Amino acid sequence: MPKKSPKKKRPSRHSVTAALDNWELAKRESAVTFQVRKKGDMLGTLSVGRGSIAWTPANGKKPYLFSWRHFAERIHRLDGRE
């Protein structure tokens, strides 16, 4: 049986860098911040905290804030659950 040629590895299109503002997430105003990039270009920043999630687009000044409840409802809607 002939050998299969090895598949070429595609370069990744997206990269995410995480930074912890505070090592103890139980403290007030602590969040994990993710910088989301596509092919080196900044798409935006996602901040995940205890009370909410915030998405700030790369060229945006004002973040989009979601409570965990609102975020869960939106995800369930995308998933087809209501």
PDB file of N, CA and C in Angstrom:
ATOM      1  N   MET A   1       0.841  -1.173   0.000  1.00  0.00           N
ATOM      2  CA  MET A   1       0.000   0.000   0.000  1.00  0.00           C
ATOM      3  C   MET A   1       0.890   1.242   0.000  1.00  0.00           C
ATOM      4  N   PRO A   2       0.650   2.198  -0.894  1.00  0.00           N
ATOM      5  CA  PRO A   2       1.510   3.384  -0.947  1.00  0.00           C
ATOM      6  C   PRO A   2       1.308   4.277   0.276  1.00  0.00           C
ATOM      7  N   LYS A   3       2.399   4.930   0.657  1.00  0.00           N
ATOM      8  CA  LYS A   3       2.326   5.843   1.801  1.00  0.00           C
ATOM      9  C   LYS A   3       1.607   7.115   1.402  1.00  0.00           C
ATOM     10  N   LYS A   4       0.871   7.647   2.344  1.00  0.00           N
ATOM     11  CA  LYS A   4       0.208   8.926   2.115  1.00  0.00           C
ATOM     12  C   LYS A   4       1.211  10.040   2.325  1.00  0.00           C
ATOM     13  N   SER A   5       1.110  11.053   1.494  1.00  0.00           N
ATOM     14  CA  SER A   5       2.004  12.188   1.691  1.00  0.00           C
ATOM     15  C   SER A   5       1.540  12.966   2.928  1.00  0.00           C
ATOM     16  N   PRO A   6       2.474  13.492   3.689  1.00  0.00           N
ATOM     17  CA  PRO A   6       2.070  14.224   4.893  1.00  0.00           C
ATOM     18  C   PRO A   6       1.274  15.478   4.523  1.00  0.00           C
ATOM     19  N   LYS A   7       0.253  15.752   5.328  1.00  0.00           N
ATOM     20  CA  LYS A   7      -0.569  16.929   5.075  1.00  0.00           C
ATOM     21  C   LYS A   7       0.212  18.181   5.443  1.00  0.00           C
ATOM     22  N   LYS A   8       0.043  19.181   4.626  1.00  0.00           N
ATOM     23  CA  LYS A   8       0.690  20.447   4.928  1.00  0.00           C
ATOM     24  C   LYS A   8      -0.062  21.122   6.065  1.00  0.00           C
ATOM     25  N   LYS A   9       0.671  21.635   7.012  1.00  0.00           N
ATOM     26  CA  LYS A   9       0.059  22.313   8.142  1.00  0.00           C
ATOM     27  C   LYS A   9      -0.274  23.740   7.737  1.00  0.00           C
ATOM     28  N   ARG A  10      -1.547  24.091   7.914  1.00  0.00           N
ATOM     29  CA  ARG A  10      -1.965  25.448   7.575  1.00  0.00           C
ATOM     30  C   ARG A  10      -1.554  26.398   8.691  1.00  0.00           C
ATOM     31  N   PRO A  11      -1.120  27.577   8.324  1.00  0.00           N
ATOM     32  CA  PRO A  11      -0.796  28.549   9.367  1.00  0.00           C
ATOM     33  C   PRO A  11      -2.083  28.979  10.080  1.00  0.00           C
ATOM     34  N   SER A  12      -1.986  29.251  11.353  1.00  0.00           N
ATOM     35  CA  SER A  12      -3.172  29.655  12.101  1.00  0.00           C
ATOM     36  C   SER A  12      -3.615  31.046  11.665  1.00  0.00           C
ATOM     37  N   ARG A  13      -4.908  31.235  11.635  1.00  0.00           N
ATOM     38  CA  ARG A  13      -5.467  32.513  11.216  1.00  0.00           C
ATOM     39  C   ARG A  13      -5.720  33.433  12.390  1.00  0.00           C
ATOM     40  N   HIS A  14      -6.025  32.849  13.530  1.00  0.00           N
ATOM     41  CA  HIS A  14      -6.360  33.643  14.705  1.00  0.00           C
ATOM     42  C   HIS A  14      -5.350  33.372  15.812  1.00  0.00           C
ATOM     43  N   SER A  15      -5.133  34.373  16.622  1.00  0.00           N
ATOM     44  CA  SER A  15      -4.310  34.176  17.812  1.00  0.00           C
ATOM     45  C   SER A  15      -4.956  34.938  18.957  1.00  0.00           C
ATOM     46  N   VAL A  16      -4.829  34.389  20.148  1.00  0.00           N
ATOM     47  CA  VAL A  16      -5.416  34.998  21.329  1.00  0.00           C
ATOM     48  C   VAL A  16      -4.345  35.070  22.402  1.00  0.00           C
ATOM     49  N   THR A  17      -4.197  36.237  22.991  1.00  0.00           N
ATOM     50  CA  THR A  17      -3.258  36.441  24.076  1.00  0.00           C
ATOM     51  C   THR A  17      -4.063  36.766  25.328  1.00  0.00           C
ATOM     52  N   ALA A  18      -3.766  36.102  26.428  1.00  0.00           N
ATOM     53  CA  ALA A  18      -4.502  36.341  27.671  1.00  0.00           C
ATOM     54  C   ALA A  18      -3.608  37.029  28.685  1.00  0.00           C
ATOM     55  N   ALA A  19      -4.220  37.900  29.476  1.00  0.00           N
ATOM     56  CA  ALA A  19      -3.505  38.584  30.555  1.00  0.00           C
ATOM     57  C   ALA A  19      -4.411  38.638  31.771  1.00  0.00           C
ATOM     58  N   LEU A  20      -3.882  38.272  32.910  1.00  0.00           N
ATOM     59  CA  LEU A  20      -4.642  38.343  34.152  1.00  0.00           C
ATOM     60  C   LEU A  20      -4.365  39.678  34.822  1.00  0.00           C
ATOM     61  N   ASP A  21      -5.428  40.440  35.062  1.00  0.00           N
ATOM     62  CA  ASP A  21      -5.263  41.697  35.774  1.00  0.00           C
ATOM     63  C   ASP A  21      -4.989  41.447  37.248  1.00  0.00           C
ATOM     64  N   ASN A  22      -5.515  40.351  37.744  1.00  0.00           N
ATOM     65  CA  ASN A  22      -5.375  40.030  39.154  1.00  0.00           C
ATOM     66  C   ASN A  22      -5.352  38.507  39.276  1.00  0.00           C
ATOM     67  N   TRP A  23      -4.388  37.960  39.971  1.00  0.00           N
ATOM     68  CA  TRP A  23      -4.278  36.504  40.069  1.00  0.00           C
ATOM     69  C   TRP A  23      -5.414  35.884  40.856  1.00  0.00           C
ATOM     70  N   GLU A  24      -5.990  36.601  41.789  1.00  0.00           N
ATOM     71  CA  GLU A  24      -7.096  36.058  42.561  1.00  0.00           C
ATOM     72  C   GLU A  24      -8.393  36.575  41.958  1.00  0.00           C
ATOM     73  N   LEU A  25      -9.060  35.744  41.194  1.00  0.00           N
ATOM     74  CA  LEU A  25     -10.263  36.178  40.491  1.00  0.00           C
ATOM     75  C   LEU A  25     -11.433  36.440  41.423  1.00  0.00           C
ATOM     76  N   ALA A  26     -11.317  36.039  42.672  1.00  0.00           N
ATOM     77  CA  ALA A  26     -12.404  36.267  43.611  1.00  0.00           C
ATOM     78  C   ALA A  26     -12.448  37.720  44.074  1.00  0.00           C
ATOM     79  N   LYS A  27     -11.405  38.460  43.864  1.00  0.00           N
ATOM     80  CA  LYS A  27     -11.369  39.852  44.304  1.00  0.00           C
ATOM     81  C   LYS A  27     -12.191  40.739  43.381  1.00  0.00           C
ATOM     82  N   ARG A  28     -12.615  41.848  43.900  1.00  0.00           N
ATOM     83  CA  ARG A  28     -13.407  42.813  43.146  1.00  0.00           C
ATOM     84  C   ARG A  28     -12.600  43.420  42.000  1.00  0.00           C
ATOM     85  N   GLU A  29     -13.288  43.655  40.891  1.00  0.00           N
ATOM     86  CA  GLU A  29     -12.722  44.278  39.699  1.00  0.00           C
ATOM     87  C   GLU A  29     -11.567  43.491  39.076  1.00  0.00           C
ATOM     88  N   SER A  30     -11.544  42.193  39.284  1.00  0.00           N
ATOM     89  CA  SER A  30     -10.527  41.385  38.622  1.00  0.00           C
ATOM     90  C   SER A  30     -11.121  40.842  37.330  1.00  0.00           C
ATOM     91  N   ALA A  31     -10.288  40.659  36.337  1.00  0.00           N
ATOM     92  CA  ALA A  31     -10.773  40.172  35.054  1.00  0.00           C
ATOM     93  C   ALA A  31      -9.641  39.485  34.308  1.00  0.00           C
ATOM     94  N   VAL A  32     -10.045  38.636  33.385  1.00  0.00           N
ATOM     95  CA  VAL A  32      -9.100  38.046  32.454  1.00  0.00           C
ATOM     96  C   VAL A  32      -9.325  38.782  31.133  1.00  0.00           C
ATOM     97  N   THR A  33      -8.254  39.263  30.536  1.00  0.00           N
ATOM     98  CA  THR A  33      -8.356  40.027  29.302  1.00  0.00           C
ATOM     99  C   THR A  33      -7.721  39.242  28.163  1.00  0.00           C
ATOM    100  N   PHE A  34      -8.470  39.103  27.069  1.00  0.00           N
ATOM    101  CA  PHE A  34      -7.998  38.392  25.894  1.00  0.00           C
ATOM    102  C   PHE A  34      -7.891  39.374  24.733  1.00  0.00           C
ATOM    103  N   GLN A  35      -6.736  39.417  24.100  1.00  0.00           N
ATOM    104  CA  GLN A  35      -6.572  40.203  22.879  1.00  0.00           C
ATOM    105  C   GLN A  35      -6.735  39.241  21.709  1.00  0.00           C
ATOM    106  N   VAL A  36      -7.703  39.493  20.857  1.00  0.00           N
ATOM    107  CA  VAL A  36      -8.023  38.599  19.749  1.00  0.00           C
ATOM    108  C   VAL A  36      -7.491  39.214  18.457  1.00  0.00           C
ATOM    109  N   ARG A  37      -6.697  38.429  17.725  1.00  0.00           N
ATOM    110  CA  ARG A  37      -6.095  38.899  16.481  1.00  0.00           C
ATOM    111  C   ARG A  37      -6.395  37.919  15.356  1.00  0.00           C
ATOM    112  N   LYS A  38      -6.488  38.438  14.152  1.00  0.00           N
ATOM    113  CA  LYS A  38      -6.654  37.614  12.960  1.00  0.00           C
ATOM    114  C   LYS A  38      -5.551  37.999  11.994  1.00  0.00           C
ATOM    115  N   LYS A  39      -4.694  37.048  11.688  1.00  0.00           N
ATOM    116  CA  LYS A  39      -3.546  37.272  10.807  1.00  0.00           C
ATOM    117  C   LYS A  39      -2.744  38.498  11.225  1.00  0.00           C
ATOM    118  N   GLY A  40      -2.553  38.661  12.519  1.00  0.00           N
ATOM    119  CA  GLY A  40      -1.743  39.758  13.040  1.00  0.00           C
ATOM    120  C   GLY A  40      -2.509  41.048  13.278  1.00  0.00           C
ATOM    121  N   ASP A  41      -3.690  41.202  12.674  1.00  0.00           N
ATOM    122  CA  ASP A  41      -4.483  42.411  12.874  1.00  0.00           C
ATOM    123  C   ASP A  41      -5.367  42.249  14.097  1.00  0.00           C
ATOM    124  N   MET A  42      -5.430  43.282  14.915  1.00  0.00           N
ATOM    125  CA  MET A  42      -6.231  43.246  16.130  1.00  0.00           C
ATOM    126  C   MET A  42      -7.718  43.306  15.786  1.00  0.00           C
ATOM    127  N   LEU A  43      -8.482  42.310  16.279  1.00  0.00           N
ATOM    128  CA  LEU A  43      -9.930  42.317  16.102  1.00  0.00           C
ATOM    129  C   LEU A  43     -10.610  43.024  17.265  1.00  0.00           C
ATOM    130  N   GLY A  44     -10.083  42.796  18.471  1.00  0.00           N
ATOM    131  CA  GLY A  44     -10.672  43.427  19.640  1.00  0.00           C
ATOM    132  C   GLY A  44     -10.151  42.805  20.916  1.00  0.00           C
ATOM    133  N   THR A  45     -10.720  43.251  22.036  1.00  0.00           N
ATOM    134  CA  THR A  45     -10.337  42.783  23.355  1.00  0.00           C
ATOM    135  C   THR A  45     -11.574  42.280  24.085  1.00  0.00           C
ATOM    136  N   LEU A  46     -11.458  41.093  24.665  1.00  0.00           N
ATOM    137  CA  LEU A  46     -12.536  40.494  25.436  1.00  0.00           C
ATOM    138  C   LEU A  46     -12.115  40.464  26.892  1.00  0.00           C
ATOM    139  N   SER A  47     -12.902  41.095  27.764  1.00  0.00           N
ATOM    140  CA  SER A  47     -12.630  41.092  29.200  1.00  0.00           C
ATOM    141  C   SER A  47     -13.696  40.262  29.892  1.00  0.00           C
ATOM    142  N   VAL A  48     -13.266  39.250  30.621  1.00  0.00           N
ATOM    143  CA  VAL A  48     -14.182  38.347  31.314  1.00  0.00           C
ATOM    144  C   VAL A  48     -13.972  38.525  32.804  1.00  0.00           C
ATOM    145  N   GLY A  49     -15.023  38.948  33.485  1.00  0.00           N
ATOM    146  CA  GLY A  49     -14.953  39.157  34.921  1.00  0.00           C
ATOM    147  C   GLY A  49     -16.023  38.363  35.641  1.00  0.00           C
ATOM    148  N   ARG A  50     -16.129  38.572  36.923  1.00  0.00           N
ATOM    149  CA  ARG A  50     -17.121  37.848  37.707  1.00  0.00           C
ATOM    150  C   ARG A  50     -18.540  38.260  37.370  1.00  0.00           C
ATOM    151  N   GLY A  51     -18.766  39.533  37.105  1.00  0.00           N
ATOM    152  CA  GLY A  51     -20.126  40.010  36.903  1.00  0.00           C
ATOM    153  C   GLY A  51     -20.534  40.202  35.461  1.00  0.00           C
ATOM    154  N   SER A  52     -19.568  40.317  34.558  1.00  0.00           N
ATOM    155  CA  SER A  52     -19.941  40.604  33.180  1.00  0.00           C
ATOM    156  C   SER A  52     -18.830  40.240  32.204  1.00  0.00           C
ATOM    157  N   ILE A  53     -19.178  40.372  30.930  1.00  0.00           N
ATOM    158  CA  ILE A  53     -18.249  40.176  29.827  1.00  0.00           C
ATOM    159  C   ILE A  53     -18.278  41.469  29.021  1.00  0.00           C
ATOM    160  N   ALA A  54     -17.124  41.928  28.566  1.00  0.00           N
ATOM    161  CA  ALA A  54     -17.067  43.151  27.761  1.00  0.00           C
ATOM    162  C   ALA A  54     -16.247  42.890  26.507  1.00  0.00           C
ATOM    163  N   TRP A  55     -16.803  43.286  25.354  1.00  0.00           N
ATOM    164  CA  TRP A  55     -16.091  43.187  24.079  1.00  0.00           C
ATOM    165  C   TRP A  55     -15.829  44.601  23.584  1.00  0.00           C
ATOM    166  N   THR A  56     -14.553  44.898  23.326  1.00  0.00           N
ATOM    167  CA  THR A  56     -14.170  46.190  22.775  1.00  0.00           C
ATOM    168  C   THR A  56     -13.538  45.950  21.407  1.00  0.00           C
ATOM    169  N   PRO A  57     -14.182  46.399  20.326  1.00  0.00           N
ATOM    170  CA  PRO A  57     -13.588  46.236  19.002  1.00  0.00           C
ATOM    171  C   PRO A  57     -12.272  46.997  18.901  1.00  0.00           C
ATOM    172  N   ALA A  58     -11.429  46.600  17.985  1.00  0.00           N
ATOM    173  CA  ALA A  58     -10.109  47.204  17.856  1.00  0.00           C
ATOM    174  C   ALA A  58     -10.187  48.710  17.653  1.00  0.00           C
ATOM    175  N   ASN A  59     -11.104  49.172  16.825  1.00  0.00           N
ATOM    176  CA  ASN A  59     -11.219  50.603  16.559  1.00  0.00           C
ATOM    177  C   ASN A  59     -12.311  51.270  17.392  1.00  0.00           C
ATOM    178  N   GLY A  60     -12.888  50.509  18.310  1.00  0.00           N
ATOM    179  CA  GLY A  60     -13.982  51.050  19.109  1.00  0.00           C
ATOM    180  C   GLY A  60     -13.496  51.702  20.386  1.00  0.00           C
ATOM    181  N   LYS A  61     -14.227  52.689  20.820  1.00  0.00           N
ATOM    182  CA  LYS A  61     -13.899  53.365  22.065  1.00  0.00           C
ATOM    183  C   LYS A  61     -14.749  52.845  23.222  1.00  0.00           C
ATOM    184  N   LYS A  62     -15.970  52.439  22.888  1.00  0.00           N
ATOM    185  CA  LYS A  62     -16.918  52.021  23.913  1.00  0.00           C
ATOM    186  C   LYS A  62     -17.096  50.499  23.876  1.00  0.00           C
ATOM    187  N   PRO A  63     -16.905  49.832  25.011  1.00  0.00           N
ATOM    188  CA  PRO A  63     -17.087  48.376  25.028  1.00  0.00           C
ATOM    189  C   PRO A  63     -18.565  47.983  25.024  1.00  0.00           C
ATOM    190  N   TYR A  64     -18.839  46.810  24.484  1.00  0.00           N
ATOM    191  CA  TYR A  64     -20.172  46.222  24.560  1.00  0.00           C
ATOM    192  C   TYR A  64     -20.197  45.369  25.820  1.00  0.00           C
ATOM    193  N   LEU A  65     -21.061  45.713  26.761  1.00  0.00           N
ATOM    194  CA  LEU A  65     -21.128  45.008  28.043  1.00  0.00           C
ATOM    195  C   LEU A  65     -22.291  44.028  28.054  1.00  0.00           C
ATOM    196  N   PHE A  66     -22.041  42.837  28.573  1.00  0.00           N
ATOM    197  CA  PHE A  66     -23.063  41.805  28.715  1.00  0.00           C
ATOM    198  C   PHE A  66     -22.996  41.252  30.131  1.00  0.00           C
ATOM    199  N   SER A  67     -24.149  41.109  30.771  1.00  0.00           N
ATOM    200  CA  SER A  67     -24.184  40.368  32.029  1.00  0.00           C
ATOM    201  C   SER A  67     -24.078  38.895  31.668  1.00  0.00           C
ATOM    202  N   TRP A  68     -23.734  38.080  32.639  1.00  0.00           N
ATOM    203  CA  TRP A  68     -23.621  36.645  32.364  1.00  0.00           C
ATOM    204  C   TRP A  68     -24.962  36.078  31.911  1.00  0.00           C
ATOM    205  N   ARG A  69     -26.051  36.578  32.492  1.00  0.00           N
ATOM    206  CA  ARG A  69     -27.377  36.088  32.117  1.00  0.00           C
ATOM    207  C   ARG A  69     -27.683  36.431  30.652  1.00  0.00           C
ATOM    208  N   HIS A  70     -27.419  37.681  30.262  1.00  0.00           N
ATOM    209  CA  HIS A  70     -27.649  38.115  28.890  1.00  0.00           C
ATOM    210  C   HIS A  70     -26.761  37.331  27.920  1.00  0.00           C
ATOM    211  N   PHE A  71     -25.512  37.133  28.289  1.00  0.00           N
ATOM    212  CA  PHE A  71     -24.581  36.371  27.454  1.00  0.00           C
ATOM    213  C   PHE A  71     -25.084  34.944  27.249  1.00  0.00           C
ATOM    214  N   ALA A  72     -25.539  34.299  28.335  1.00  0.00           N
ATOM    215  CA  ALA A  72     -26.049  32.924  28.252  1.00  0.00           C
ATOM    216  C   ALA A  72     -27.284  32.854  27.352  1.00  0.00           C
ATOM    217  N   GLU A  73     -28.178  33.850  27.459  1.00  0.00           N
ATOM    218  CA  GLU A  73     -29.368  33.870  26.613  1.00  0.00           C
ATOM    219  C   GLU A  73     -28.992  33.984  25.136  1.00  0.00           C
ATOM    220  N   ARG A  74     -28.024  34.827  24.833  1.00  0.00           N
ATOM    221  CA  ARG A  74     -27.590  34.996  23.435  1.00  0.00           C
ATOM    222  C   ARG A  74     -26.937  33.723  22.895  1.00  0.00           C
ATOM    223  N   ILE A  75     -26.123  33.066  23.705  1.00  0.00           N
ATOM    224  CA  ILE A  75     -25.477  31.821  23.277  1.00  0.00           C
ATOM    225  C   ILE A  75     -26.526  30.743  23.032  1.00  0.00           C
ATOM    226  N   HIS A  76     -27.510  30.642  23.921  1.00  0.00           N
ATOM    227  CA  HIS A  76     -28.562  29.644  23.743  1.00  0.00           C
ATOM    228  C   HIS A  76     -29.368  29.920  22.474  1.00  0.00           C
ATOM    229  N   ARG A  77     -29.596  31.198  22.164  1.00  0.00           N
ATOM    230  CA  ARG A  77     -30.309  31.550  20.936  1.00  0.00           C
ATOM    231  C   ARG A  77     -29.510  31.127  19.714  1.00  0.00           C
ATOM    232  N   LEU A  78     -28.192  31.325  19.738  1.00  0.00           N
ATOM    233  CA  LEU A  78     -27.345  30.907  18.624  1.00  0.00           C
ATOM    234  C   LEU A  78     -27.341  29.390  18.471  1.00  0.00           C
ATOM    235  N   ASP A  79     -27.442  28.696  19.595  1.00  0.00           N
ATOM    236  CA  ASP A  79     -27.386  27.237  19.611  1.00  0.00           C
ATOM    237  C   ASP A  79     -28.728  26.625  19.225  1.00  0.00           C
ATOM    238  N   GLY A  80     -29.773  27.451  19.117  1.00  0.00           N
ATOM    239  CA  GLY A  80     -31.091  26.937  18.763  1.00  0.00           C
ATOM    240  C   GLY A  80     -31.951  26.617  19.962  1.00  0.00           C
ATOM    241  N   ARG A  81     -31.444  26.837  21.160  1.00  0.00           N
ATOM    242  CA  ARG A  81     -32.237  26.614  22.366  1.00  0.00           C
ATOM    243  C   ARG A  81     -32.856  27.938  22.775  1.00  0.00           C
ATOM    244  N   GLU A  82     -34.067  27.910  23.262  1.00  0.00           N
ATOM    245  CA  GLU A  82     -34.707  29.144  23.731  1.00  0.00           C
ATOM    246  C   GLU A  82     -35.222  29.002  25.107  1.00  0.00           C
TER     247      GLU A  82
END
